[in-house]
Amino acid sequence: MSENATGEIDIEYQLRVHPRAKHVRLRMDPREGLIVTVPKRFDCRRLPALLDRRADWIDQARWRQHTARAGLDPALLGSRPERIELTAMDRRWVVEYEAAPGPRLGLQEQGSKLILRLPMLDSAQLDRRISAALLRWLKRSASRFLSARVAELAREHGFNYRKVQIRNQRARWGSCSFRGDLSLNARLLFCSPAACDYVLLHELVHTVHPDHSAAFWARVAELVPDYRDLQDQLRDVWLRLPNWV
């Protein structure tokens, strides 16, 4: 941050225009920094003053992001990880890299080992291919694990839903349509089992209470009494995601 001639603070950010946005939204991303989402017809000349008013929040968000990642093992974070830990599943993999004989990148899972076979490409292009392959693997893992866990929780608590879809969303853990279709974020596998279950139950409760009414939160609290603590955990998980995600 720096101060300009008018006394306002200059803040670096990425601007995104969303056609369905109703308000300005600020989000701190571990890799992309501050992201400002505005409605389609928003007058962007208002942004410097708005960001100036939110400077304390931005400072705190950046500090929280820095401290959340400071103690993490670099072997887990990079674009070419040495290990992957999916806490929700209580599983860990060692990642090995080998040269590939052909032009395609291959990924093979052997027990607790992931083997990536790398073609001859420049480093940046190869990092993109590795990220894409790992994300496909993550979504397959999430589809198997989360679908089974949703079915188990639904039976246990008497919920009905139609189907489960797995995505890799940047800003939400899950959603539930009016028809009872659940959309879940593959990144939930990086959460604790308790936090992951909270998100799944949160969306299952939406099959009965579509909005965030008092009745909705009362049912959530009945099922997950410590849900507020788990919400704090979920916010920290966003900041701890590895670069390849």
Protein backbone atom coordinates (compact mmCIF):
# COMPACT_ATOMS: atom_id res chain seq x y z
CA MET A 1 0.00 0.00 0.00
CA SER A 2 1.07 3.60 -0.60
CA GLU A 3 -0.55 6.99 -0.23
CA ASN A 4 -1.39 9.06 -3.32
CA ALA A 5 -1.54 12.85 -3.78
CA THR A 6 -5.14 13.06 -2.55
CA GLY A 7 -4.29 11.33 0.73
CA GLU A 8 -6.05 8.10 -0.25
CA ILE A 9 -4.19 4.81 0.05
CA ASP A 10 -3.22 3.07 -3.20
CA ILE A 11 -4.08 -0.61 -2.89
CA GLU A 12 -3.15 -3.22 -5.47
CA TYR A 13 -6.08 -5.40 -6.52
CA GLN A 14 -7.61 -7.35 -9.37
CA LEU A 15 -10.95 -6.09 -10.66
CA ARG A 16 -13.69 -8.47 -11.76
CA VAL A 17 -17.11 -7.50 -13.09
CA HIS A 18 -19.91 -9.97 -12.33
CA PRO A 19 -23.27 -9.53 -14.10
CA ARG A 20 -25.22 -10.93 -11.13
CA ALA A 21 -23.35 -9.08 -8.39
CA LYS A 22 -25.45 -6.65 -6.37
CA HIS A 23 -22.70 -5.19 -4.17
CA VAL A 24 -18.94 -4.70 -4.21
CA ARG A 25 -17.22 -7.76 -2.77
CA LEU A 26 -13.65 -8.01 -1.51
CA ARG A 27 -11.83 -11.33 -1.32
CA MET A 28 -8.21 -12.08 -0.46
CA ASP A 29 -6.81 -14.91 -2.55
CA PRO A 30 -3.54 -16.61 -1.48
CA ARG A 31 -2.13 -16.50 -5.01
CA GLU A 32 -3.88 -13.59 -6.72
CA GLY A 33 -4.02 -11.12 -3.83
CA LEU A 34 -6.97 -8.80 -3.31
CA ILE A 35 -9.85 -9.48 -5.72
CA VAL A 36 -12.57 -6.83 -6.03
CA THR A 37 -15.81 -7.97 -7.65
CA VAL A 38 -18.25 -5.25 -8.73
CA PRO A 39 -21.71 -5.18 -10.37
CA LYS A 40 -21.88 -4.67 -14.12
CA ARG A 41 -22.79 -0.96 -14.04
CA PHE A 42 -20.73 0.01 -11.01
CA ASP A 43 -18.88 3.33 -11.28
CA CYS A 44 -15.27 2.24 -10.69
CA ARG A 45 -14.27 5.82 -9.89
CA ARG A 46 -15.78 5.12 -6.46
CA LEU A 47 -13.37 2.26 -5.74
CA PRO A 48 -10.37 4.20 -4.33
CA ALA A 49 -12.50 5.77 -1.59
CA LEU A 50 -14.23 2.48 -0.86
CA LEU A 51 -10.94 0.61 -0.57
CA ASP A 52 -9.56 3.38 1.62
CA ARG A 53 -12.44 2.83 4.04
CA ARG A 54 -11.72 -0.92 4.03
CA ALA A 55 -7.95 -0.55 4.44
CA ASP A 56 -7.94 -2.01 7.97
CA TRP A 57 -9.83 -5.10 6.80
CA ILE A 58 -7.45 -5.50 3.85
CA ASP A 59 -4.41 -5.25 6.14
CA GLN A 60 -5.86 -7.84 8.51
CA ALA A 61 -6.77 -10.19 5.66
CA ARG A 62 -3.24 -9.99 4.24
CA TRP A 63 -1.72 -10.57 7.69
CA ARG A 64 -4.00 -13.56 8.29
CA GLN A 65 -3.08 -14.96 4.89
CA HIS A 66 0.63 -14.59 5.58
CA THR A 67 0.48 -16.17 9.05
CA ALA A 68 -1.77 -19.01 7.86
CA ARG A 69 0.85 -20.15 5.33
CA ALA A 70 4.00 -19.24 7.26
CA GLY A 71 4.27 -22.52 9.17
CA LEU A 72 3.29 -24.86 6.36
CA ASP A 73 5.66 -27.38 4.83
CA PRO A 74 6.89 -26.08 1.42
CA ALA A 75 6.75 -29.66 0.14
CA LEU A 76 2.94 -29.40 0.25
CA LEU A 77 2.48 -25.95 -1.28
CA GLY A 78 4.37 -25.64 -4.53
CA SER A 79 3.25 -26.08 -8.11
CA ARG A 80 5.11 -29.43 -8.10
CA PRO A 81 4.31 -30.81 -4.64
CA GLU A 82 6.40 -33.53 -3.05
CA ARG A 83 3.46 -34.66 -0.92
CA ILE A 84 -0.31 -34.23 -0.92
CA GLU A 85 -2.41 -34.49 2.23
CA LEU A 86 -6.20 -34.71 2.00
CA THR A 87 -7.18 -34.24 5.63
CA ALA A 88 -10.90 -34.95 5.23
CA MET A 89 -10.03 -38.45 3.99
CA ASP A 90 -7.11 -38.87 6.41
CA ARG A 91 -4.92 -39.85 3.45
CA ARG A 92 -1.46 -38.84 2.29
CA TRP A 93 0.47 -39.40 -0.92
CA VAL A 94 4.11 -39.05 -1.92
CA VAL A 95 4.42 -37.47 -5.38
CA GLU A 96 7.11 -38.71 -7.74
CA TYR A 97 8.04 -37.24 -11.13
CA GLU A 98 9.43 -39.21 -14.05
CA ALA A 99 10.28 -38.37 -17.65
CA ALA A 100 7.59 -39.40 -20.13
CA PRO A 101 8.52 -41.02 -23.45
CA GLY A 102 5.74 -39.22 -25.34
CA PRO A 103 4.11 -35.76 -25.54
CA ARG A 104 1.37 -36.43 -22.97
CA LEU A 105 1.54 -36.01 -19.21
CA GLY A 106 0.44 -39.09 -17.31
CA LEU A 107 -0.69 -39.55 -13.70
CA GLN A 108 -0.90 -42.89 -11.95
CA GLU A 109 -1.96 -43.62 -8.36
CA GLN A 110 -0.23 -46.57 -6.71
CA GLY A 111 -1.41 -46.93 -3.11
CA SER A 112 0.02 -43.97 -1.21
CA LYS A 113 2.08 -42.81 -4.18
CA LEU A 114 1.24 -40.54 -7.13
CA ILE A 115 3.49 -40.87 -10.16
CA LEU A 116 3.48 -38.08 -12.75
CA ARG A 117 5.20 -38.77 -16.04
CA LEU A 118 6.32 -35.48 -17.55
CA PRO A 119 6.82 -34.71 -21.26
CA MET A 120 9.52 -32.41 -22.54
CA LEU A 121 7.96 -28.95 -22.20
CA ASP A 122 9.06 -25.56 -20.90
CA SER A 123 8.70 -25.10 -17.15
CA ALA A 124 5.65 -22.81 -17.17
CA GLN A 125 3.70 -25.01 -19.57
CA LEU A 126 4.64 -28.08 -17.59
CA ASP A 127 3.44 -26.50 -14.33
CA ARG A 128 0.05 -25.82 -15.96
CA ARG A 129 -0.18 -29.43 -17.15
CA ILE A 130 0.75 -30.74 -13.69
CA SER A 131 -1.86 -28.53 -12.03
CA ALA A 132 -4.55 -29.67 -14.47
CA ALA A 133 -3.71 -33.34 -13.95
CA LEU A 134 -3.70 -33.02 -10.16
CA LEU A 135 -7.01 -31.13 -10.22
CA ARG A 136 -8.61 -33.89 -12.30
CA TRP A 137 -7.32 -36.43 -9.80
CA LEU A 138 -8.58 -34.31 -6.89
CA LYS A 139 -12.07 -34.10 -8.41
CA ARG A 140 -12.18 -37.87 -8.97
CA SER A 141 -11.13 -38.44 -5.37
CA ALA A 142 -13.72 -35.94 -4.14
CA SER A 143 -16.46 -37.51 -6.24
CA ARG A 144 -15.91 -40.91 -4.66
CA PHE A 145 -15.42 -39.72 -1.09
CA LEU A 146 -17.91 -36.85 -0.83
CA SER A 147 -20.71 -38.68 -2.64
CA ALA A 148 -20.42 -41.59 -0.23
CA ARG A 149 -20.23 -39.30 2.80
CA VAL A 150 -23.29 -37.28 1.73
CA ALA A 151 -25.28 -40.51 1.33
CA GLU A 152 -24.18 -41.65 4.79
CA LEU A 153 -25.12 -38.35 6.47
CA ALA A 154 -28.43 -38.15 4.62
CA ARG A 155 -29.41 -41.64 5.82
CA GLU A 156 -28.32 -40.87 9.36
CA HIS A 157 -30.32 -37.62 9.64
CA GLY A 158 -33.26 -38.29 7.34
CA PHE A 159 -32.50 -35.98 4.40
CA ASN A 160 -33.38 -36.55 0.76
CA TYR A 161 -31.43 -35.13 -2.17
CA ARG A 162 -31.24 -35.80 -5.91
CA LYS A 163 -27.58 -35.92 -6.88
CA VAL A 164 -24.10 -34.67 -6.05
CA GLN A 165 -21.86 -32.70 -8.41
CA ILE A 166 -18.19 -31.98 -7.73
CA ARG A 167 -16.60 -28.71 -8.81
CA ASN A 168 -13.46 -26.70 -8.10
CA GLN A 169 -14.99 -23.40 -7.02
CA ARG A 170 -12.96 -20.35 -5.98
CA ALA A 171 -15.34 -18.75 -3.52
CA ARG A 172 -17.81 -21.21 -2.04
CA TRP A 173 -17.73 -24.64 -0.44
CA GLY A 174 -21.06 -25.85 -1.73
CA SER A 175 -24.59 -25.08 -2.80
CA CYS A 176 -27.99 -26.75 -3.02
CA SER A 177 -30.53 -26.17 -5.79
CA PHE A 178 -34.27 -25.98 -5.22
CA ARG A 179 -34.53 -29.44 -6.78
CA GLY A 180 -32.17 -30.90 -4.18
CA ASP A 181 -29.01 -31.11 -6.31
CA LEU A 182 -25.87 -30.62 -4.24
CA SER A 183 -22.79 -28.94 -5.72
CA LEU A 184 -19.68 -29.52 -3.61
CA ASN A 185 -16.18 -28.11 -3.86
CA ALA A 186 -13.40 -30.65 -4.38
CA ARG A 187 -11.26 -28.48 -2.08
CA LEU A 188 -13.31 -29.79 0.86
CA LEU A 189 -10.84 -32.68 0.93
CA PHE A 190 -8.27 -30.28 2.42
CA CYS A 191 -10.58 -29.57 5.40
CA SER A 192 -10.74 -31.43 8.68
CA PRO A 193 -13.32 -34.26 8.75
CA ALA A 194 -15.50 -32.18 11.10
CA ALA A 195 -15.40 -29.08 8.87
CA CYS A 196 -16.09 -31.17 5.78
CA ASP A 197 -19.11 -32.81 7.46
CA TYR A 198 -20.38 -29.38 8.50
CA VAL A 199 -20.46 -28.20 4.88
CA LEU A 200 -22.22 -31.38 3.74
CA LEU A 201 -24.83 -31.07 6.51
CA HIS A 202 -25.21 -27.35 5.78
CA GLU A 203 -26.17 -28.17 2.20
CA LEU A 204 -28.39 -31.08 3.21
CA VAL A 205 -30.32 -28.77 5.56
CA HIS A 206 -30.93 -26.56 2.52
CA THR A 207 -32.99 -29.39 1.03
CA VAL A 208 -35.53 -28.59 3.76
CA HIS A 209 -34.85 -24.87 4.34
CA PRO A 210 -33.74 -23.29 1.02
CA ASP A 211 -32.77 -19.95 2.61
CA HIS A 212 -30.64 -18.94 5.60
CA SER A 213 -33.65 -18.37 7.84
CA ALA A 214 -33.74 -18.73 11.61
CA ALA A 215 -35.22 -22.21 11.12
CA PHE A 216 -32.29 -23.15 8.87
CA TRP A 217 -29.66 -22.07 11.40
CA ALA A 218 -31.56 -23.72 14.24
CA ARG A 219 -31.41 -27.05 12.40
CA VAL A 220 -27.73 -26.57 11.58
CA ALA A 221 -26.98 -25.82 15.24
CA GLU A 222 -28.87 -28.93 16.26
CA LEU A 223 -26.76 -31.08 13.97
CA VAL A 224 -23.43 -29.24 14.38
CA PRO A 225 -23.38 -27.30 17.69
CA ASP A 226 -19.86 -25.95 17.07
CA TYR A 227 -20.52 -24.84 13.49
CA ARG A 228 -19.23 -21.31 14.14
CA ASP A 229 -15.80 -22.64 15.11
CA LEU A 230 -15.82 -24.81 11.99
CA GLN A 231 -16.63 -21.77 9.85
CA ASP A 232 -13.42 -20.18 11.17
CA GLN A 233 -11.53 -23.34 10.20
CA LEU A 234 -12.97 -23.18 6.70
CA ARG A 235 -11.80 -19.60 6.22
CA ASP A 236 -8.26 -20.66 7.12
CA VAL A 237 -8.35 -23.61 4.70
CA TRP A 238 -8.75 -21.20 1.76
CA LEU A 239 -5.46 -19.57 2.80
CA ARG A 240 -3.60 -22.88 3.13
CA LEU A 241 -4.43 -24.39 -0.25
CA PRO A 242 -1.41 -25.52 -2.31
CA ASN A 243 -0.46 -23.54 -5.39
CA TRP A 244 -1.53 -26.26 -7.83
CA VAL A 245 -5.14 -25.96 -6.64
